[in-house]
Amino acid sequence: MELTWTEFEKVEMRVGTILKVTDFPEARKPAYQLTIDFGSEIGILKSSAQITQRYSKEMLTDRQIIAVINFPNKQIGKFMSECLVLGAVGTDGDVILLTPDFKIENGLRIG
């Protein structure tokens, strides 16, 4: 299925910095709860991410990532996920996060 350019422009992918990482033992698959700063215009959002196979909590703190911020919130157990962190998913479920090559301003739009 192809998207039109207008449809693609509706997807808000933004740069954010992970401020806090906590374990998410209630998740069905191993995951972390992330608190992410998307800058003053957007603010701080939370997400759940199944990235425990490759990343430790220490590796994620202060790391910049790319996330979609305009999906509806998703209830995951008692946790409300407010954005979708993007990554490439391997055949074994291993996720490699999408990240900028250089430190840049939080909230910048990907396009």
PDB file of N, CA and C in Angstrom:
ATOM      1  N   MET A   1       0.843  -1.179   0.000  1.00  0.00           N
ATOM      2  CA  MET A   1       0.000   0.000   0.000  1.00  0.00           C
ATOM      3  C   MET A   1       0.890   1.245   0.000  1.00  0.00           C
ATOM      4  N   GLU A   2       0.637   2.132  -0.902  1.00  0.00           N
ATOM      5  CA  GLU A   2       1.387   3.386  -0.967  1.00  0.00           C
ATOM      6  C   GLU A   2       0.658   4.493  -0.223  1.00  0.00           C
ATOM      7  N   LEU A   3       1.441   5.373   0.379  1.00  0.00           N
ATOM      8  CA  LEU A   3       0.904   6.568   1.020  1.00  0.00           C
ATOM      9  C   LEU A   3       1.025   7.734   0.057  1.00  0.00           C
ATOM     10  N   THR A   4       0.114   8.657   0.161  1.00  0.00           N
ATOM     11  CA  THR A   4       0.281   9.897  -0.584  1.00  0.00           C
ATOM     12  C   THR A   4       1.216  10.797   0.222  1.00  0.00           C
ATOM     13  N   TRP A   5       1.771  11.797  -0.424  1.00  0.00           N
ATOM     14  CA  TRP A   5       2.644  12.735   0.274  1.00  0.00           C
ATOM     15  C   TRP A   5       1.876  13.427   1.400  1.00  0.00           C
ATOM     16  N   THR A   6       0.628  13.758   1.153  1.00  0.00           N
ATOM     17  CA  THR A   6      -0.216  14.412   2.164  1.00  0.00           C
ATOM     18  C   THR A   6      -0.389  13.506   3.385  1.00  0.00           C
ATOM     19  N   GLU A   7      -0.580  12.212   3.161  1.00  0.00           N
ATOM     20  CA  GLU A   7      -0.711  11.277   4.282  1.00  0.00           C
ATOM     21  C   GLU A   7       0.587  11.198   5.077  1.00  0.00           C
ATOM     22  N   PHE A   8       1.730  11.125   4.393  1.00  0.00           N
ATOM     23  CA  PHE A   8       3.022  11.047   5.062  1.00  0.00           C
ATOM     24  C   PHE A   8       3.276  12.291   5.910  1.00  0.00           C
ATOM     25  N   GLU A   9       2.901  13.452   5.400  1.00  0.00           N
ATOM     26  CA  GLU A   9       3.133  14.702   6.129  1.00  0.00           C
ATOM     27  C   GLU A   9       2.369  14.761   7.448  1.00  0.00           C
ATOM     28  N   LYS A  10       1.333  13.946   7.591  1.00  0.00           N
ATOM     29  CA  LYS A  10       0.560  13.918   8.834  1.00  0.00           C
ATOM     30  C   LYS A  10       1.292  13.198   9.964  1.00  0.00           C
ATOM     31  N   VAL A  11       2.270  12.354   9.622  1.00  0.00           N
ATOM     32  CA  VAL A  11       3.024  11.611  10.636  1.00  0.00           C
ATOM     33  C   VAL A  11       4.084  12.532  11.220  1.00  0.00           C
ATOM     34  N   GLU A  12       3.982  12.804  12.525  1.00  0.00           N
ATOM     35  CA  GLU A  12       4.934  13.698  13.189  1.00  0.00           C
ATOM     36  C   GLU A  12       6.026  12.893  13.861  1.00  0.00           C
ATOM     37  N   MET A  13       7.146  12.748  13.154  1.00  0.00           N
ATOM     38  CA  MET A  13       8.325  12.110  13.726  1.00  0.00           C
ATOM     39  C   MET A  13       9.214  13.212  14.268  1.00  0.00           C
ATOM     40  N   ARG A  14       9.588  13.085  15.532  1.00  0.00           N
ATOM     41  CA  ARG A  14      10.369  14.134  16.200  1.00  0.00           C
ATOM     42  C   ARG A  14      11.563  13.537  16.936  1.00  0.00           C
ATOM     43  N   VAL A  15      12.550  14.379  17.165  1.00  0.00           N
ATOM     44  CA  VAL A  15      13.739  14.010  17.942  1.00  0.00           C
ATOM     45  C   VAL A  15      13.465  14.287  19.412  1.00  0.00           C
ATOM     46  N   GLY A  16      13.816  13.333  20.256  1.00  0.00           N
ATOM     47  CA  GLY A  16      13.688  13.517  21.692  1.00  0.00           C
ATOM     48  C   GLY A  16      14.866  12.905  22.423  1.00  0.00           C
ATOM     49  N   THR A  17      15.074  13.344  23.652  1.00  0.00           N
ATOM     50  CA  THR A  17      16.141  12.805  24.496  1.00  0.00           C
ATOM     51  C   THR A  17      15.521  12.027  25.645  1.00  0.00           C
ATOM     52  N   ILE A  18      15.978  10.803  25.842  1.00  0.00           N
ATOM     53  CA  ILE A  18      15.480   9.966  26.931  1.00  0.00           C
ATOM     54  C   ILE A  18      16.021  10.494  28.253  1.00  0.00           C
ATOM     55  N   LEU A  19      15.109  10.869  29.142  1.00  0.00           N
ATOM     56  CA  LEU A  19      15.480  11.395  30.455  1.00  0.00           C
ATOM     57  C   LEU A  19      15.551  10.311  31.515  1.00  0.00           C
ATOM     58  N   LYS A  20      14.630   9.350  31.433  1.00  0.00           N
ATOM     59  CA  LYS A  20      14.495   8.352  32.490  1.00  0.00           C
ATOM     60  C   LYS A  20      14.086   7.017  31.875  1.00  0.00           C
ATOM     61  N   VAL A  21      14.656   5.938  32.389  1.00  0.00           N
ATOM     62  CA  VAL A  21      14.338   4.582  31.931  1.00  0.00           C
ATOM     63  C   VAL A  21      14.045   3.730  33.163  1.00  0.00           C
ATOM     64  N   THR A  22      12.891   3.063  33.152  1.00  0.00           N
ATOM     65  CA  THR A  22      12.557   2.162  34.253  1.00  0.00           C
ATOM     66  C   THR A  22      12.113   0.820  33.686  1.00  0.00           C
ATOM     67  N   ASP A  23      12.285  -0.223  34.486  1.00  0.00           N
ATOM     68  CA  ASP A  23      11.811  -1.545  34.083  1.00  0.00           C
ATOM     69  C   ASP A  23      10.289  -1.532  33.993  1.00  0.00           C
ATOM     70  N   PHE A  24       9.751  -2.420  33.165  1.00  0.00           N
ATOM     71  CA  PHE A  24       8.306  -2.526  32.989  1.00  0.00           C
ATOM     72  C   PHE A  24       7.912  -3.998  33.180  1.00  0.00           C
ATOM     73  N   PRO A  25       7.939  -4.473  34.435  1.00  0.00           N
ATOM     74  CA  PRO A  25       7.701  -5.898  34.699  1.00  0.00           C
ATOM     75  C   PRO A  25       6.290  -6.368  34.320  1.00  0.00           C
ATOM     76  N   GLU A  26       5.328  -5.449  34.223  1.00  0.00           N
ATOM     77  CA  GLU A  26       3.951  -5.829  33.889  1.00  0.00           C
ATOM     78  C   GLU A  26       3.769  -6.104  32.398  1.00  0.00           C
ATOM     79  N   ALA A  27       4.708  -5.701  31.567  1.00  0.00           N
ATOM     80  CA  ALA A  27       4.589  -5.895  30.116  1.00  0.00           C
ATOM     81  C   ALA A  27       4.651  -7.384  29.776  1.00  0.00           C
ATOM     82  N   ARG A  28       3.913  -7.792  28.732  1.00  0.00           N
ATOM     83  CA  ARG A  28       3.913  -9.191  28.309  1.00  0.00           C
ATOM     84  C   ARG A  28       5.275  -9.625  27.785  1.00  0.00           C
ATOM     85  N   LYS A  29       5.940  -8.736  27.031  1.00  0.00           N
ATOM     86  CA  LYS A  29       7.286  -8.993  26.537  1.00  0.00           C
ATOM     87  C   LYS A  29       8.219  -8.022  27.252  1.00  0.00           C
ATOM     88  N   PRO A  30       9.483  -8.414  27.471  1.00  0.00           N
ATOM     89  CA  PRO A  30      10.405  -7.516  28.180  1.00  0.00           C
ATOM     90  C   PRO A  30      10.447  -6.120  27.554  1.00  0.00           C
ATOM     91  N   ALA A  31      10.287  -5.095  28.400  1.00  0.00           N
ATOM     92  CA  ALA A  31      10.213  -3.716  27.911  1.00  0.00           C
ATOM     93  C   ALA A  31      10.679  -2.753  28.996  1.00  0.00           C
ATOM     94  N   TYR A  32      10.955  -1.537  28.550  1.00  0.00           N
ATOM     95  CA  TYR A  32      11.248  -0.429  29.447  1.00  0.00           C
ATOM     96  C   TYR A  32      10.137   0.606  29.324  1.00  0.00           C
ATOM     97  N   GLN A  33       9.978   1.403  30.378  1.00  0.00           N
ATOM     98  CA  GLN A  33       9.170   2.613  30.329  1.00  0.00           C
ATOM     99  C   GLN A  33      10.149   3.770  30.164  1.00  0.00           C
ATOM    100  N   LEU A  34       9.919   4.596  29.149  1.00  0.00           N
ATOM    101  CA  LEU A  34      10.809   5.708  28.837  1.00  0.00           C
ATOM    102  C   LEU A  34      10.110   7.037  29.082  1.00  0.00           C
ATOM    103  N   THR A  35      10.834   7.993  29.639  1.00  0.00           N
ATOM    104  CA  THR A  35      10.379   9.370  29.762  1.00  0.00           C
ATOM    105  C   THR A  35      11.268  10.170  28.815  1.00  0.00           C
ATOM    106  N   ILE A  36      10.645  10.863  27.844  1.00  0.00           N
ATOM    107  CA  ILE A  36      11.392  11.474  26.740  1.00  0.00           C
ATOM    108  C   ILE A  36      11.071  12.960  26.634  1.00  0.00           C
ATOM    109  N   ASP A  37      12.113  13.776  26.527  1.00  0.00           N
ATOM    110  CA  ASP A  37      11.974  15.234  26.377  1.00  0.00           C
ATOM    111  C   ASP A  37      11.978  15.580  24.891  1.00  0.00           C
ATOM    112  N   PHE A  38      10.867  16.164  24.419  1.00  0.00           N
ATOM    113  CA  PHE A  38      10.747  16.597  23.026  1.00  0.00           C
ATOM    114  C   PHE A  38      10.826  18.117  22.886  1.00  0.00           C
ATOM    115  N   GLY A  39      11.401  18.792  23.850  1.00  0.00           N
ATOM    116  CA  GLY A  39      11.575  20.241  23.773  1.00  0.00           C
ATOM    117  C   GLY A  39      10.395  20.998  24.329  1.00  0.00           C
ATOM    118  N   SER A  40      10.554  22.317  24.401  1.00  0.00           N
ATOM    119  CA  SER A  40       9.562  23.163  25.073  1.00  0.00           C
ATOM    120  C   SER A  40       8.210  23.196  24.362  1.00  0.00           C
ATOM    121  N   GLU A  41       8.181  23.080  23.052  1.00  0.00           N
ATOM    122  CA  GLU A  41       6.913  23.142  22.311  1.00  0.00           C
ATOM    123  C   GLU A  41       6.045  21.906  22.559  1.00  0.00           C
ATOM    124  N   ILE A  42       6.661  20.737  22.629  1.00  0.00           N
ATOM    125  CA  ILE A  42       5.929  19.475  22.777  1.00  0.00           C
ATOM    126  C   ILE A  42       5.916  19.017  24.225  1.00  0.00           C
ATOM    127  N   GLY A  43       7.049  19.118  24.893  1.00  0.00           N
ATOM    128  CA  GLY A  43       7.146  18.722  26.294  1.00  0.00           C
ATOM    129  C   GLY A  43       7.662  17.306  26.463  1.00  0.00           C
ATOM    130  N   ILE A  44       7.344  16.737  27.602  1.00  0.00           N
ATOM    131  CA  ILE A  44       7.828  15.413  27.981  1.00  0.00           C
ATOM    132  C   ILE A  44       6.713  14.395  27.769  1.00  0.00           C
ATOM    133  N   LEU A  45       7.051  13.313  27.054  1.00  0.00           N
ATOM    134  CA  LEU A  45       6.099  12.233  26.783  1.00  0.00           C
ATOM    135  C   LEU A  45       6.680  10.923  27.282  1.00  0.00           C
ATOM    136  N   LYS A  46       5.794   9.944  27.485  1.00  0.00           N
ATOM    137  CA  LYS A  46       6.218   8.621  27.952  1.00  0.00           C
ATOM    138  C   LYS A  46       5.942   7.582  26.865  1.00  0.00           C
ATOM    139  N   SER A  47       6.754   6.548  26.877  1.00  0.00           N
ATOM    140  CA  SER A  47       6.579   5.458  25.924  1.00  0.00           C
ATOM    141  C   SER A  47       7.040   4.159  26.547  1.00  0.00           C
ATOM    142  N   SER A  48       6.493   3.063  26.055  1.00  0.00           N
ATOM    143  CA  SER A  48       6.970   1.733  26.398  1.00  0.00           C
ATOM    144  C   SER A  48       7.716   1.214  25.171  1.00  0.00           C
ATOM    145  N   ALA A  49       8.866   0.587  25.389  1.00  0.00           N
ATOM    146  CA  ALA A  49       9.656   0.099  24.260  1.00  0.00           C
ATOM    147  C   ALA A  49      10.255  -1.263  24.580  1.00  0.00           C
ATOM    148  N   GLN A  50      10.082  -2.202  23.647  1.00  0.00           N
ATOM    149  CA  GLN A  50      10.633  -3.548  23.790  1.00  0.00           C
ATOM    150  C   GLN A  50      12.055  -3.558  23.235  1.00  0.00           C
ATOM    151  N   ILE A  51      12.967  -2.943  23.975  1.00  0.00           N
ATOM    152  CA  ILE A  51      14.345  -2.778  23.504  1.00  0.00           C
ATOM    153  C   ILE A  51      15.357  -3.319  24.513  1.00  0.00           C
ATOM    154  N   THR A  52      14.901  -4.209  25.388  1.00  0.00           N
ATOM    155  CA  THR A  52      15.768  -4.716  26.455  1.00  0.00           C
ATOM    156  C   THR A  52      16.823  -5.700  25.949  1.00  0.00           C
ATOM    157  N   GLN A  53      16.613  -6.278  24.781  1.00  0.00           N
ATOM    158  CA  GLN A  53      17.549  -7.271  24.258  1.00  0.00           C
ATOM    159  C   GLN A  53      18.914  -6.650  23.945  1.00  0.00           C
ATOM    160  N   ARG A  54      18.924  -5.420  23.462  1.00  0.00           N
ATOM    161  CA  ARG A  54      20.171  -4.787  23.028  1.00  0.00           C
ATOM    162  C   ARG A  54      20.614  -3.645  23.946  1.00  0.00           C
ATOM    163  N   TYR A  55      19.672  -2.981  24.621  1.00  0.00           N
ATOM    164  CA  TYR A  55      19.995  -1.761  25.368  1.00  0.00           C
ATOM    165  C   TYR A  55      19.807  -1.942  26.870  1.00  0.00           C
ATOM    166  N   SER A  56      20.777  -1.446  27.634  1.00  0.00           N
ATOM    167  CA  SER A  56      20.630  -1.375  29.085  1.00  0.00           C
ATOM    168  C   SER A  56      20.019  -0.012  29.420  1.00  0.00           C
ATOM    169  N   LYS A  57      19.509   0.126  30.624  1.00  0.00           N
ATOM    170  CA  LYS A  57      18.949   1.408  31.057  1.00  0.00           C
ATOM    171  C   LYS A  57      20.008   2.507  30.986  1.00  0.00           C
ATOM    172  N   GLU A  58      21.234   2.169  31.367  1.00  0.00           N
ATOM    173  CA  GLU A  58      22.315   3.157  31.357  1.00  0.00           C
ATOM    174  C   GLU A  58      22.647   3.613  29.930  1.00  0.00           C
ATOM    175  N   MET A  59      22.563   2.707  28.969  1.00  0.00           N
ATOM    176  CA  MET A  59      22.846   3.057  27.565  1.00  0.00           C
ATOM    177  C   MET A  59      21.796   4.006  27.003  1.00  0.00           C
ATOM    178  N   LEU A  60      20.589   3.948  27.538  1.00  0.00           N
ATOM    179  CA  LEU A  60      19.476   4.729  26.983  1.00  0.00           C
ATOM    180  C   LEU A  60      19.368   6.128  27.574  1.00  0.00           C
ATOM    181  N   THR A  61      19.754   6.299  28.818  1.00  0.00           N
ATOM    182  CA  THR A  61      19.634   7.604  29.465  1.00  0.00           C
ATOM    183  C   THR A  61      20.489   8.632  28.734  1.00  0.00           C
ATOM    184  N   ASP A  62      19.885   9.773  28.394  1.00  0.00           N
ATOM    185  CA  ASP A  62      20.502  10.894  27.662  1.00  0.00           C
ATOM    186  C   ASP A  62      20.704  10.605  26.175  1.00  0.00           C
ATOM    187  N   ARG A  63      20.178   9.511  25.678  1.00  0.00           N
ATOM    188  CA  ARG A  63      20.301   9.161  24.260  1.00  0.00           C
ATOM    189  C   ARG A  63      19.170   9.827  23.472  1.00  0.00           C
ATOM    190  N   GLN A  64      19.497  10.371  22.314  1.00  0.00           N
ATOM    191  CA  GLN A  64      18.456  10.931  21.460  1.00  0.00           C
ATOM    192  C   GLN A  64      17.874   9.834  20.576  1.00  0.00           C
ATOM    193  N   ILE A  65      16.566   9.912  20.378  1.00  0.00           N
ATOM    194  CA  ILE A  65      15.840   8.924  19.583  1.00  0.00           C
ATOM    195  C   ILE A  65      14.873   9.656  18.643  1.00  0.00           C
ATOM    196  N   ILE A  66      14.266   8.888  17.767  1.00  0.00           N
ATOM    197  CA  ILE A  66      13.209   9.398  16.884  1.00  0.00           C
ATOM    198  C   ILE A  66      11.910   8.700  17.293  1.00  0.00           C
ATOM    199  N   ALA A  67      10.834   9.461  17.400  1.00  0.00           N
ATOM    200  CA  ALA A  67       9.543   8.881  17.780  1.00  0.00           C
ATOM    201  C   ALA A  67       8.416   9.563  17.029  1.00  0.00           C
ATOM    202  N   VAL A  68       7.327   8.831  16.839  1.00  0.00           N
ATOM    203  CA  VAL A  68       6.088   9.402  16.306  1.00  0.00           C
ATOM    204  C   VAL A  68       5.303   9.904  17.499  1.00  0.00           C
ATOM    205  N   ILE A  69       4.940  11.198  17.458  1.00  0.00           N
ATOM    206  CA  ILE A  69       4.288  11.788  18.645  1.00  0.00           C
ATOM    207  C   ILE A  69       2.791  12.046  18.451  1.00  0.00           C
ATOM    208  N   ASN A  70       2.260  11.763  17.264  1.00  0.00           N
ATOM    209  CA  ASN A  70       0.840  12.095  17.056  1.00  0.00           C
ATOM    210  C   ASN A  70      -0.053  10.871  16.839  1.00  0.00           C
ATOM    211  N   PHE A  71       0.351   9.725  17.369  1.00  0.00           N
ATOM    212  CA  PHE A  71      -0.557   8.592  17.452  1.00  0.00           C
ATOM    213  C   PHE A  71      -1.430   8.773  18.679  1.00  0.00           C
ATOM    214  N   PRO A  72      -2.609   8.134  18.720  1.00  0.00           N
ATOM    215  CA  PRO A  72      -3.395   8.181  19.959  1.00  0.00           C
ATOM    216  C   PRO A  72      -2.628   7.485  21.079  1.00  0.00           C
ATOM    217  N   ASN A  73      -2.842   7.935  22.311  1.00  0.00           N
ATOM    218  CA  ASN A  73      -2.236   7.270  23.458  1.00  0.00           C
ATOM    219  C   ASN A  73      -2.674   5.812  23.493  1.00  0.00           C
ATOM    220  N   LYS A  74      -1.787   4.948  24.018  1.00  0.00           N
ATOM    221  CA  LYS A  74      -2.095   3.517  24.088  1.00  0.00           C
ATOM    222  C   LYS A  74      -1.900   3.029  25.515  1.00  0.00           C
ATOM    223  N   GLN A  75      -2.952   2.444  26.069  1.00  0.00           N
ATOM    224  CA  GLN A  75      -2.894   1.891  27.418  1.00  0.00           C
ATOM    225  C   GLN A  75      -2.205   0.536  27.362  1.00  0.00           C
ATOM    226  N   ILE A  76      -1.131   0.379  28.134  1.00  0.00           N
ATOM    227  CA  ILE A  76      -0.407  -0.889  28.221  1.00  0.00           C
ATOM    228  C   ILE A  76      -0.364  -1.247  29.702  1.00  0.00           C
ATOM    229  N   GLY A  77      -1.281  -2.101  30.115  1.00  0.00           N
ATOM    230  CA  GLY A  77      -1.431  -2.387  31.546  1.00  0.00           C
ATOM    231  C   GLY A  77      -1.853  -1.121  32.257  1.00  0.00           C
ATOM    232  N   LYS A  78      -1.120  -0.740  33.302  1.00  0.00           N
ATOM    233  CA  LYS A  78      -1.419   0.491  34.032  1.00  0.00           C
ATOM    234  C   LYS A  78      -0.671   1.692  33.465  1.00  0.00           C
ATOM    235  N   PHE A  79       0.090   1.471  32.408  1.00  0.00           N
ATOM    236  CA  PHE A  79       0.953   2.508  31.830  1.00  0.00           C
ATOM    237  C   PHE A  79       0.313   3.080  30.564  1.00  0.00           C
ATOM    238  N   MET A  80       0.384   4.408  30.406  1.00  0.00           N
ATOM    239  CA  MET A  80      -0.147   5.067  29.209  1.00  0.00           C
ATOM    240  C   MET A  80       1.024   5.501  28.332  1.00  0.00           C
ATOM    241  N   SER A  81       1.139   4.891  27.156  1.00  0.00           N
ATOM    242  CA  SER A  81       2.187   5.243  26.202  1.00  0.00           C
ATOM    243  C   SER A  81       1.688   6.408  25.349  1.00  0.00           C
ATOM    244  N   GLU A  82       2.501   7.469  25.262  1.00  0.00           N
ATOM    245  CA  GLU A  82       2.081   8.704  24.584  1.00  0.00           C
ATOM    246  C   GLU A  82       2.779   8.937  23.252  1.00  0.00           C
ATOM    247  N   CYS A  83       3.752   8.097  22.911  1.00  0.00           N
ATOM    248  CA  CYS A  83       4.448   8.228  21.629  1.00  0.00           C
ATOM    249  C   CYS A  83       5.019   6.867  21.253  1.00  0.00           C
ATOM    250  N   LEU A  84       5.452   6.728  20.003  1.00  0.00           N
ATOM    251  CA  LEU A  84       6.002   5.469  19.509  1.00  0.00           C
ATOM    252  C   LEU A  84       7.456   5.678  19.127  1.00  0.00           C
ATOM    253  N   VAL A  85       8.357   5.064  19.894  1.00  0.00           N
ATOM    254  CA  VAL A  85       9.788   5.135  19.605  1.00  0.00           C
ATOM    255  C   VAL A  85      10.066   4.245  18.397  1.00  0.00           C
ATOM    256  N   LEU A  86      10.834   4.769  17.435  1.00  0.00           N
ATOM    257  CA  LEU A  86      11.067   4.045  16.193  1.00  0.00           C
ATOM    258  C   LEU A  86      12.385   3.282  16.207  1.00  0.00           C
ATOM    259  N   GLY A  87      12.356   2.100  15.607  1.00  0.00           N
ATOM    260  CA  GLY A  87      13.549   1.276  15.489  1.00  0.00           C
ATOM    261  C   GLY A  87      13.378   0.263  14.380  1.00  0.00           C
ATOM    262  N   ALA A  88      14.488  -0.271  13.920  1.00  0.00           N
ATOM    263  CA  ALA A  88      14.485  -1.342  12.931  1.00  0.00           C
ATOM    264  C   ALA A  88      14.398  -2.662  13.684  1.00  0.00           C
ATOM    265  N   VAL A  89      13.475  -3.535  13.264  1.00  0.00           N
ATOM    266  CA  VAL A  89      13.228  -4.784  13.960  1.00  0.00           C
ATOM    267  C   VAL A  89      13.799  -5.942  13.145  1.00  0.00           C
ATOM    268  N   GLY A  90      14.733  -6.686  13.756  1.00  0.00           N
ATOM    269  CA  GLY A  90      15.322  -7.850  13.103  1.00  0.00           C
ATOM    270  C   GLY A  90      14.404  -9.056  13.179  1.00  0.00           C
ATOM    271  N   THR A  91      14.769 -10.112  12.478  1.00  0.00           N
ATOM    272  CA  THR A  91      13.935 -11.311  12.434  1.00  0.00           C
ATOM    273  C   THR A  91      13.786 -11.965  13.810  1.00  0.00           C
ATOM    274  N   ASP A  92      14.740 -11.761  14.701  1.00  0.00           N
ATOM    275  CA  ASP A  92      14.655 -12.339  16.038  1.00  0.00           C
ATOM    276  C   ASP A  92      14.001 -11.392  17.048  1.00  0.00           C
ATOM    277  N   GLY A  93      13.445 -10.275  16.556  1.00  0.00           N
ATOM    278  CA  GLY A  93      12.781  -9.315  17.431  1.00  0.00           C
ATOM    279  C   GLY A  93      13.711  -8.286  18.031  1.00  0.00           C
ATOM    280  N   ASP A  94      14.999  -8.385  17.725  1.00  0.00           N
ATOM    281  CA  ASP A  94      15.967  -7.404  18.214  1.00  0.00           C
ATOM    282  C   ASP A  94      15.685  -6.052  17.560  1.00  0.00           C
ATOM    283  N   VAL A  95      15.640  -4.992  18.352  1.00  0.00           N
ATOM    284  CA  VAL A  95      15.321  -3.658  17.850  1.00  0.00           C
ATOM    285  C   VAL A  95      16.555  -2.765  17.919  1.00  0.00           C
ATOM    286  N   ILE A  96      16.854  -2.088  16.809  1.00  0.00           N
ATOM    287  CA  ILE A  96      17.918  -1.093  16.748  1.00  0.00           C
ATOM    288  C   ILE A  96      17.239   0.265  16.639  1.00  0.00           C
ATOM    289  N   LEU A  97      17.428   1.127  17.624  1.00  0.00           N
ATOM    290  CA  LEU A  97      16.766   2.431  17.642  1.00  0.00           C
ATOM    291  C   LEU A  97      17.227   3.326  16.499  1.00  0.00           C
ATOM    292  N   LEU A  98      16.297   4.139  15.992  1.00  0.00           N
ATOM    293  CA  LEU A  98      16.636   5.173  15.022  1.00  0.00           C
ATOM    294  C   LEU A  98      17.092   6.392  15.819  1.00  0.00           C
ATOM    295  N   THR A  99      18.282   6.878  15.506  1.00  0.00           N
ATOM    296  CA  THR A  99      18.857   7.997  16.253  1.00  0.00           C
ATOM    297  C   THR A  99      19.541   8.969  15.301  1.00  0.00           C
ATOM    298  N   PRO A 100      19.610  10.252  15.670  1.00  0.00           N
ATOM    299  CA  PRO A 100      20.385  11.200  14.855  1.00  0.00           C
ATOM    300  C   PRO A 100      21.881  10.921  15.007  1.00  0.00           C
ATOM    301  N   ASP A 101      22.635  11.242  13.971  1.00  0.00           N
ATOM    302  CA  ASP A 101      24.090  11.062  14.009  1.00  0.00           C
ATOM    303  C   ASP A 101      24.774  12.034  14.965  1.00  0.00           C
ATOM    304  N   PHE A 102      24.176  13.203  15.145  1.00  0.00           N
ATOM    305  CA  PHE A 102      24.762  14.241  15.982  1.00  0.00           C
ATOM    306  C   PHE A 102      23.725  14.727  16.974  1.00  0.00           C
ATOM    307  N   LYS A 103      24.171  15.262  18.102  1.00  0.00           N
ATOM    308  CA  LYS A 103      23.269  15.853  19.101  1.00  0.00           C
ATOM    309  C   LYS A 103      22.591  17.066  18.465  1.00  0.00           C
ATOM    310  N   ILE A 104      21.258  17.050  18.463  1.00  0.00           N
ATOM    311  CA  ILE A 104      20.493  18.157  17.873  1.00  0.00           C
ATOM    312  C   ILE A 104      19.384  18.571  18.826  1.00  0.00           C
ATOM    313  N   GLU A 105      18.691  19.611  18.450  1.00  0.00           N
ATOM    314  CA  GLU A 105      17.646  20.178  19.301  1.00  0.00           C
ATOM    315  C   GLU A 105      16.460  19.210  19.428  1.00  0.00           C
ATOM    316  N   ASN A 106      16.012  19.012  20.671  1.00  0.00           N
ATOM    317  CA  ASN A 106      14.827  18.201  20.907  1.00  0.00           C
ATOM    318  C   ASN A 106      13.617  18.836  20.237  1.00  0.00           C
ATOM    319  N   GLY A 107      12.771  17.994  19.671  1.00  0.00           N
ATOM    320  CA  GLY A 107      11.547  18.476  19.038  1.00  0.00           C
ATOM    321  C   GLY A 107      11.659  18.702  17.556  1.00  0.00           C
ATOM    322  N   LEU A 108      12.876  18.667  17.004  1.00  0.00           N
ATOM    323  CA  LEU A 108      12.998  18.860  15.553  1.00  0.00           C
ATOM    324  C   LEU A 108      12.216  17.778  14.820  1.00  0.00           C
ATOM    325  N   ARG A 109      11.555  18.197  13.750  1.00  0.00           N
ATOM    326  CA  ARG A 109      10.711  17.288  12.968  1.00  0.00           C
ATOM    327  C   ARG A 109      11.543  16.551  11.932  1.00  0.00           C
ATOM    328  N   ILE A 110      11.244  15.278  11.768  1.00  0.00           N
ATOM    329  CA  ILE A 110      11.872  14.456  10.730  1.00  0.00           C
ATOM    330  C   ILE A 110      10.975  14.548   9.498  1.00  0.00           C
ATOM    331  N   GLY A 111      11.572  14.766   8.371  1.00  0.00           N
ATOM    332  CA  GLY A 111      10.737  14.874   7.163  1.00  0.00           C
ATOM    333  C   GLY A 111      11.547  14.704   5.919  1.00  0.00           C
TER     334      GLY A 111
END
